[in-house]
N, C-alpha and C. Protein backbone atom coordinates (compact mmCIF):
# COMPACT_ATOMS: atom_id res chain seq x y z
N MET A 1 -9.27 15.78 0.99
CA MET A 1 -9.66 15.36 -0.07
C MET A 1 -10.21 13.90 0.04
N ASN A 2 -11.21 13.66 -0.86
CA ASN A 2 -11.69 12.62 -1.17
C ASN A 2 -10.97 11.12 -1.24
N LYS A 3 -11.44 10.44 -0.27
CA LYS A 3 -10.34 9.12 -0.37
C LYS A 3 -10.32 8.34 -1.91
N LEU A 4 -11.43 8.48 -2.74
CA LEU A 4 -11.05 7.50 -4.46
C LEU A 4 -10.95 9.03 -4.89
N LEU A 5 -10.96 10.09 -4.40
CA LEU A 5 -10.34 10.99 -5.31
C LEU A 5 -8.37 11.00 -5.28
N ARG A 6 -8.20 11.32 -4.47
CA ARG A 6 -6.80 10.83 -3.88
C ARG A 6 -6.38 9.44 -4.24
N LEU A 7 -6.73 8.11 -4.55
CA LEU A 7 -6.59 7.21 -5.19
C LEU A 7 -6.21 6.84 -6.39
N ALA A 8 -7.12 7.54 -7.27
CA ALA A 8 -6.86 8.13 -8.54
C ALA A 8 -6.39 9.08 -9.07
N ILE A 9 -5.95 9.64 -8.26
CA ILE A 9 -4.36 10.34 -8.88
C ILE A 9 -3.39 9.93 -8.38
N SER A 10 -3.25 9.44 -7.08
CA SER A 10 -1.95 8.40 -6.75
C SER A 10 -1.50 7.44 -7.92
N LEU A 11 -2.85 6.70 -8.40
CA LEU A 11 -2.54 5.45 -9.52
C LEU A 11 -2.27 6.22 -10.74
N SER A 12 -2.82 7.89 -11.26
CA SER A 12 -2.23 8.37 -12.32
C SER A 12 -0.66 9.06 -12.43
N ILE A 13 -0.43 9.50 -10.96
CA ILE A 13 1.34 10.03 -10.97
C ILE A 13 1.75 8.52 -11.13
N GLY A 14 1.49 7.52 -10.08
CA GLY A 14 1.97 6.26 -10.23
C GLY A 14 2.14 5.71 -11.64
N CYS A 15 1.43 5.66 -12.62
CA CYS A 15 1.09 4.88 -13.81
C CYS A 15 2.70 6.34 -14.73
N VAL A 16 2.33 7.36 -14.31
CA VAL A 16 3.37 8.19 -15.58
C VAL A 16 4.60 8.04 -14.72
N LEU A 17 4.58 8.11 -13.85
CA LEU A 17 6.59 8.18 -13.25
C LEU A 17 7.10 6.79 -13.74
N ALA A 18 5.55 5.36 -13.78
CA ALA A 18 6.76 4.33 -14.38
C ALA A 18 6.72 4.36 -15.57
N ILE A 19 6.17 5.27 -16.52
CA ILE A 19 6.02 5.23 -18.13
C ILE A 19 7.43 6.38 -18.29
N VAL A 20 7.43 7.12 -17.55
CA VAL A 20 8.97 8.27 -17.51
C VAL A 20 10.00 7.59 -17.36
N ILE A 21 10.23 6.79 -16.20
CA ILE A 21 11.53 5.86 -16.06
C ILE A 21 11.61 5.20 -16.97
N THR A 22 10.66 4.23 -17.46
CA THR A 22 11.03 3.29 -18.58
C THR A 22 11.65 3.73 -19.81
N LYS A 23 10.78 5.30 -20.04
CA LYS A 23 11.28 6.16 -21.56
C LYS A 23 12.67 6.55 -21.40
N ILE A 24 12.80 6.82 -20.08
CA ILE A 24 14.72 7.53 -20.05
C ILE A 24 15.57 6.13 -19.69
N ALA A 25 15.39 5.31 -19.47
CA ALA A 25 16.11 4.01 -19.20
C ALA A 25 16.46 3.47 -20.67
N THR A 26 15.21 3.76 -21.47
CA THR A 26 15.09 3.13 -23.09
C THR A 26 16.13 3.93 -23.30
N VAL A 27 15.90 5.49 -23.76
CA VAL A 27 16.76 6.40 -24.79
C VAL A 27 18.03 6.36 -24.09
N ALA A 28 18.46 6.34 -22.72
CA ALA A 28 19.78 6.48 -22.30
C ALA A 28 20.29 5.09 -22.81
N ALA A 29 19.65 4.12 -23.31
CA ALA A 29 20.38 2.69 -23.44
C ALA A 29 20.34 2.67 -24.76
N LEU A 30 20.18 3.57 -25.90
CA LEU A 30 20.02 3.60 -27.10
C LEU A 30 21.12 4.66 -27.21
N ARG A 31 21.21 5.48 -26.55
CA ARG A 31 22.29 6.58 -26.64
C ARG A 31 23.61 6.10 -26.06
N PHE A 32 24.05 5.01 -24.95
CA PHE A 32 24.96 4.92 -24.55
C PHE A 32 25.30 3.90 -24.38
N TRP A 33 24.80 2.72 -25.16
CA TRP A 33 24.78 1.03 -25.16
C TRP A 33 24.89 0.97 -26.99
N PRO A 34 25.74 0.64 -27.74
CA PRO A 34 25.80 0.60 -28.71
C PRO A 34 25.26 -0.64 -29.11
N ASP A 35 25.77 -1.52 -28.75
CA ASP A 35 25.04 -3.18 -28.97
C ASP A 35 23.45 -3.15 -28.91
N TYR A 36 23.27 -2.30 -27.26
CA TYR A 36 21.56 -2.29 -27.63
C TYR A 36 20.93 -1.42 -28.49
N ALA A 37 21.56 -0.70 -29.09
CA ALA A 37 20.76 0.51 -30.18
C ALA A 37 21.02 -0.26 -31.60
N ALA A 38 22.38 -1.18 -31.55
CA ALA A 38 21.90 -2.03 -32.57
C ALA A 38 20.93 -2.86 -33.15
N ALA A 39 21.08 -3.61 -31.61
CA ALA A 39 19.31 -4.84 -31.52
C ALA A 39 18.25 -4.27 -31.61
N SER A 40 17.66 -3.12 -31.68
CA SER A 40 16.27 -2.32 -31.15
C SER A 40 15.88 -2.80 -32.01
N PRO A 41 16.29 -2.07 -32.97
CA PRO A 41 15.26 -2.05 -34.58
C PRO A 41 14.91 -3.34 -35.10
N SER A 42 15.29 -4.66 -34.74
CA SER A 42 14.83 -5.93 -35.19
C SER A 42 14.97 -6.62 -33.76
N LYS A 43 15.19 -6.16 -32.44
CA LYS A 43 14.72 -6.36 -31.05
C LYS A 43 15.45 -8.05 -31.19
N ALA A 44 16.94 -8.25 -31.29
CA ALA A 44 17.54 -9.33 -31.24
C ALA A 44 18.60 -8.93 -30.26
N TYR A 45 17.19 -8.75 -28.86
CA TYR A 45 18.29 -8.38 -27.93
C TYR A 45 19.06 -9.60 -26.99
N SER A 46 20.40 -9.26 -26.90
CA SER A 46 20.91 -10.44 -26.27
C SER A 46 20.47 -10.76 -24.85
N PHE A 47 20.47 -11.73 -24.09
CA PHE A 47 20.16 -12.20 -22.58
C PHE A 47 20.52 -10.86 -21.48
N VAL A 48 21.67 -10.31 -21.95
CA VAL A 48 21.75 -9.37 -20.83
C VAL A 48 21.06 -8.11 -21.31
N MET A 49 21.09 -7.83 -22.42
CA MET A 49 20.16 -6.67 -22.89
C MET A 49 18.42 -6.96 -21.90
N LEU A 50 18.04 -8.39 -22.51
CA LEU A 50 16.89 -8.72 -21.71
C LEU A 50 16.90 -8.01 -20.64
N VAL A 51 17.94 -8.63 -19.90
CA VAL A 51 17.53 -8.79 -18.47
C VAL A 51 17.41 -7.40 -17.92
N SER A 52 18.45 -6.39 -18.64
CA SER A 52 18.35 -5.17 -18.20
C SER A 52 17.01 -4.57 -18.28
N ARG A 53 16.24 -5.08 -19.37
CA ARG A 53 15.29 -4.70 -19.43
C ARG A 53 14.02 -4.95 -18.85
N LEU A 54 13.95 -6.11 -17.95
CA LEU A 54 13.29 -6.57 -16.96
C LEU A 54 14.08 -5.70 -15.60
N ALA A 55 14.61 -5.69 -15.61
CA ALA A 55 14.94 -4.81 -14.30
C ALA A 55 15.04 -3.21 -14.38
N VAL A 56 14.75 -2.64 -15.15
CA VAL A 56 14.45 -1.31 -15.59
C VAL A 56 12.69 -1.08 -15.54
N GLY A 57 12.02 -2.35 -15.94
CA GLY A 57 10.83 -2.39 -15.93
C GLY A 57 10.37 -2.61 -14.48
N ALA A 58 11.34 -3.76 -13.68
CA ALA A 58 11.01 -4.01 -11.90
C ALA A 58 10.90 -2.53 -11.36
N ALA A 59 12.35 -2.06 -11.85
CA ALA A 59 12.30 -0.72 -10.98
C ALA A 59 11.13 1.03 -11.06
N ALA A 60 10.64 0.60 -12.45
CA ALA A 60 9.79 1.59 -12.80
C ALA A 60 8.56 1.44 -12.05
N VAL A 61 8.29 -0.02 -11.95
CA VAL A 61 7.06 -0.65 -11.31
C VAL A 61 6.71 -0.18 -9.90
N ALA A 62 7.80 -0.51 -9.39
CA ALA A 62 8.54 -0.28 -8.10
C ALA A 62 8.40 0.95 -7.46
N ALA A 63 8.86 1.76 -8.31
CA ALA A 63 8.88 3.30 -8.11
C ALA A 63 7.60 3.47 -8.09
N GLY A 64 6.84 3.29 -9.10
CA GLY A 64 5.33 3.92 -9.39
C GLY A 64 4.44 3.36 -8.12
N ALA A 65 4.69 2.79 -7.66
CA ALA A 65 3.98 1.91 -6.92
C ALA A 65 4.23 2.43 -5.10
N SER A 66 5.16 2.67 -5.01
CA SER A 66 5.47 3.28 -4.16
C SER A 66 5.17 4.94 -3.79
N VAL A 67 4.63 5.34 -5.14
CA VAL A 67 4.67 7.10 -5.57
C VAL A 67 3.47 6.87 -4.97
N ALA A 68 2.73 5.83 -5.63
CA ALA A 68 1.23 5.67 -5.28
C ALA A 68 0.76 5.77 -3.94
N THR A 69 1.59 4.75 -3.13
CA THR A 69 0.99 4.39 -1.78
C THR A 69 1.54 5.90 -0.75
N VAL A 70 2.25 6.55 -1.34
CA VAL A 70 2.66 8.05 -0.76
C VAL A 70 1.75 8.84 -0.53
N ILE A 71 1.30 8.67 -1.95
CA ILE A 71 0.00 9.64 -2.32
C ILE A 71 -1.35 9.23 -2.11
N ALA A 72 -1.65 8.02 -1.99
CA ALA A 72 -2.68 7.93 -1.57
C ALA A 72 -3.02 7.58 -0.02
N ARG A 73 -1.99 7.41 0.82
CA ARG A 73 -1.92 7.60 2.20
C ARG A 73 -2.73 6.32 2.39
N ASP A 74 -2.79 5.30 1.59
CA ASP A 74 -3.44 4.24 2.31
C ASP A 74 -2.83 2.44 2.83
N ASN A 75 -3.16 1.85 2.61
CA ASN A 75 -2.45 0.39 3.19
C ASN A 75 -2.00 -0.20 2.41
N GLY A 76 -1.82 -0.06 0.96
CA GLY A 76 -1.25 -0.54 0.12
C GLY A 76 -2.01 -1.12 -1.11
N THR A 77 -3.37 -0.78 -0.75
CA THR A 77 -4.54 -0.89 -2.31
C THR A 77 -3.39 0.08 -3.44
N ALA A 78 -3.28 1.11 -3.08
CA ALA A 78 -2.73 1.70 -4.80
C ALA A 78 -1.78 1.36 -4.88
N ALA A 79 -0.81 0.59 -4.16
CA ALA A 79 0.24 0.08 -4.61
C ALA A 79 -0.14 -1.37 -5.66
N TRP A 80 -0.98 -2.05 -4.98
CA TRP A 80 -1.21 -3.62 -5.75
C TRP A 80 -2.30 -3.39 -6.74
N LEU A 81 -3.09 -2.09 -6.80
CA LEU A 81 -4.03 -1.09 -8.03
C LEU A 81 -3.44 -1.19 -9.25
N LEU A 82 -2.04 -0.02 -9.16
CA LEU A 82 -1.13 -0.03 -9.70
C LEU A 82 -0.58 -1.19 -10.52
N GLY A 83 -0.16 -2.52 -9.62
CA GLY A 83 0.41 -3.37 -10.69
C GLY A 83 -0.75 -4.37 -11.14
N THR A 84 -2.01 -4.65 -10.69
CA THR A 84 -2.82 -5.03 -11.16
C THR A 84 -3.11 -4.03 -12.85
N ILE A 85 -2.71 -2.72 -12.60
CA ILE A 85 -3.35 -1.82 -14.34
C ILE A 85 -2.18 -2.18 -14.74
N SER A 86 -0.90 -2.40 -14.32
CA SER A 86 0.48 -2.19 -15.20
C SER A 86 0.23 -3.69 -15.76
N LEU A 87 -0.29 -4.62 -15.23
CA LEU A 87 -0.85 -6.22 -15.95
C LEU A 87 -1.62 -6.13 -16.94
N ALA A 88 -2.61 -5.08 -16.68
CA ALA A 88 -3.98 -5.39 -17.22
C ALA A 88 -3.75 -4.54 -18.81
N ILE A 89 -2.37 -3.66 -18.55
CA ILE A 89 -2.04 -2.65 -19.73
C ILE A 89 -1.19 -3.90 -20.69
N SER A 90 0.02 -4.78 -20.08
CA SER A 90 0.71 -5.04 -20.34
C SER A 90 0.30 -6.19 -20.64
N LEU A 91 -0.61 -7.22 -20.63
CA LEU A 91 -0.72 -8.62 -20.59
C LEU A 91 -1.42 -8.73 -22.11
N PRO A 92 -2.17 -7.98 -22.80
CA PRO A 92 -2.52 -8.28 -24.56
C PRO A 92 -1.51 -7.34 -25.41
N ILE A 93 -0.70 -6.51 -24.91
CA ILE A 93 0.72 -6.33 -25.53
C ILE A 93 1.17 -7.32 -25.65
N HIS A 94 1.80 -7.96 -25.20
CA HIS A 94 2.44 -8.68 -24.88
C HIS A 94 2.01 -10.08 -25.69
N LEU A 95 0.71 -10.76 -25.31
CA LEU A 95 0.02 -11.51 -26.25
C LEU A 95 0.15 -11.54 -27.33
N TYR A 96 -0.35 -10.58 -28.24
CA TYR A 96 -0.93 -10.27 -29.28
C TYR A 96 0.09 -9.31 -29.99
N SER A 97 1.19 -8.48 -29.68
CA SER A 97 1.79 -7.81 -30.57
C SER A 97 2.87 -8.28 -29.97
N VAL A 98 4.21 -8.62 -29.36
CA VAL A 98 5.40 -8.62 -29.29
C VAL A 98 5.54 -9.87 -28.82
N TRP A 99 4.34 -10.80 -28.91
CA TRP A 99 5.19 -12.48 -27.75
C TRP A 99 6.16 -12.92 -29.42
N ALA A 100 5.86 -12.63 -30.17
CA ALA A 100 6.90 -13.19 -30.90
C ALA A 100 8.76 -13.00 -31.08
N ASP A 101 8.67 -11.71 -30.83
CA ASP A 101 9.93 -10.77 -30.61
C ASP A 101 10.90 -11.24 -29.14
N TYR A 102 10.29 -11.96 -28.25
CA TYR A 102 11.15 -12.47 -27.14
C TYR A 102 10.66 -13.64 -26.96
N PRO A 103 11.71 -13.79 -25.92
CA PRO A 103 11.66 -15.46 -25.33
C PRO A 103 10.48 -15.90 -24.25
N VAL A 104 9.80 -17.02 -24.52
CA VAL A 104 8.78 -17.30 -23.73
C VAL A 104 9.28 -16.88 -21.99
N TRP A 105 10.19 -17.46 -21.61
CA TRP A 105 10.66 -16.89 -20.68
C TRP A 105 10.69 -15.19 -19.94
N TYR A 106 11.02 -14.54 -21.21
CA TYR A 106 11.11 -12.54 -20.76
C TYR A 106 9.36 -12.66 -20.46
N HIS A 107 8.81 -13.14 -21.11
CA HIS A 107 7.10 -12.63 -21.02
C HIS A 107 6.85 -12.89 -19.75
N ILE A 108 6.71 -14.30 -19.69
CA ILE A 108 6.50 -14.63 -18.37
C ILE A 108 7.20 -14.66 -16.74
N VAL A 109 8.26 -14.11 -16.68
CA VAL A 109 8.90 -13.40 -15.95
C VAL A 109 8.73 -11.55 -15.98
N TYR A 110 8.11 -11.19 -17.11
CA TYR A 110 8.25 -9.97 -17.01
C TYR A 110 6.59 -9.48 -16.36
N LEU A 111 5.64 -10.45 -17.30
CA LEU A 111 4.14 -10.21 -16.57
C LEU A 111 3.76 -10.62 -15.22
N GLY A 112 4.69 -11.77 -14.79
CA GLY A 112 4.75 -12.77 -13.50
C GLY A 112 5.12 -11.60 -12.13
N TYR A 113 5.96 -10.36 -12.81
CA TYR A 113 6.44 -9.69 -11.22
C TYR A 113 5.66 -8.57 -10.93
N LEU A 114 5.09 -8.13 -11.98
CA LEU A 114 3.94 -6.73 -12.34
C LEU A 114 3.46 -6.37 -10.78
N VAL A 115 2.26 -7.53 -10.66
CA VAL A 115 1.84 -7.19 -9.41
C VAL A 115 2.27 -7.65 -8.07
N PRO A 116 2.67 -8.49 -7.64
CA PRO A 116 3.92 -9.06 -6.67
C PRO A 116 4.67 -7.51 -6.29
N LEU A 117 5.55 -7.73 -7.14
CA LEU A 117 6.49 -6.17 -6.90
C LEU A 117 6.13 -5.49 -6.46
N ALA A 118 4.16 -4.88 -7.12
CA ALA A 118 3.98 -3.31 -6.94
C ALA A 118 3.89 -3.53 -5.69
N GLY A 119 3.23 -4.80 -5.11
CA GLY A 119 2.46 -4.90 -3.96
C GLY A 119 3.29 -4.89 -2.79
N LEU A 120 4.68 -5.17 -2.96
CA LEU A 120 5.56 -5.54 -2.67
C LEU A 120 6.58 -4.00 -1.85
N ALA A 121 6.51 -3.25 -3.17
CA ALA A 121 6.81 -2.10 -3.13
C ALA A 121 6.05 -1.17 -2.01
N GLY A 122 5.25 -1.24 -2.16
CA GLY A 122 3.71 -0.45 -1.17
C GLY A 122 3.98 -1.32 -0.10
N ARG A 123 4.08 -2.21 0.30
CA ARG A 123 4.47 -2.75 1.81
C ARG A 123 5.56 -1.75 2.23
N MET A 124 6.53 -2.08 1.53
CA MET A 124 7.83 -1.42 1.74
C MET A 124 7.87 0.19 2.42
N THR A 125 7.00 0.52 1.28
CA THR A 125 6.87 2.09 1.44
C THR A 125 6.28 2.51 2.51
N ARG A 126 5.32 1.78 3.07
CA ARG A 126 3.87 2.02 4.08
C ARG A 126 4.88 1.79 5.88
N ARG A 127 5.86 1.16 5.39
CA ARG A 127 6.62 0.30 6.64
C ARG A 127 7.59 1.39 6.76
N ARG A 128 8.08 2.09 6.20
CA ARG A 128 9.29 3.35 5.91
C ARG A 128 8.38 4.26 6.38
N SER A 129 6.99 4.66 6.31
CA SER A 129 6.90 5.55 6.19
C SER A 129 5.74 5.35 8.30
N ALA A 130 5.87 4.64 8.52
CA ALA A 130 4.89 4.25 9.63
C ALA A 130 5.92 4.72 10.77
């Protein structure tokens, strides 16, 4: 398979995986965490709820980057690209749609970890594969 096609497929699968992980975690939180479900409509999340959302996002981007690295069979380019794509998609959403819904620190942490965490996950995956 051509290297560019493998990279494109790896990024697609990595992005879909990250979205699926996030959706499953969100549905689970809404179903099994009554306070979270009550806070969700108005986005009046507590500190613990916000940290849990950040943790899920981190796990999702790390998993997506790891899978992308394995599929791409590259030196980590797929992971860094996945982080960059995640940032490119998330940045306008956070700046223009949900900025007022969350504290500034939340946006800074979330947007700040996407690229480096994806790159780190790719690097760790490469080391385990070697």
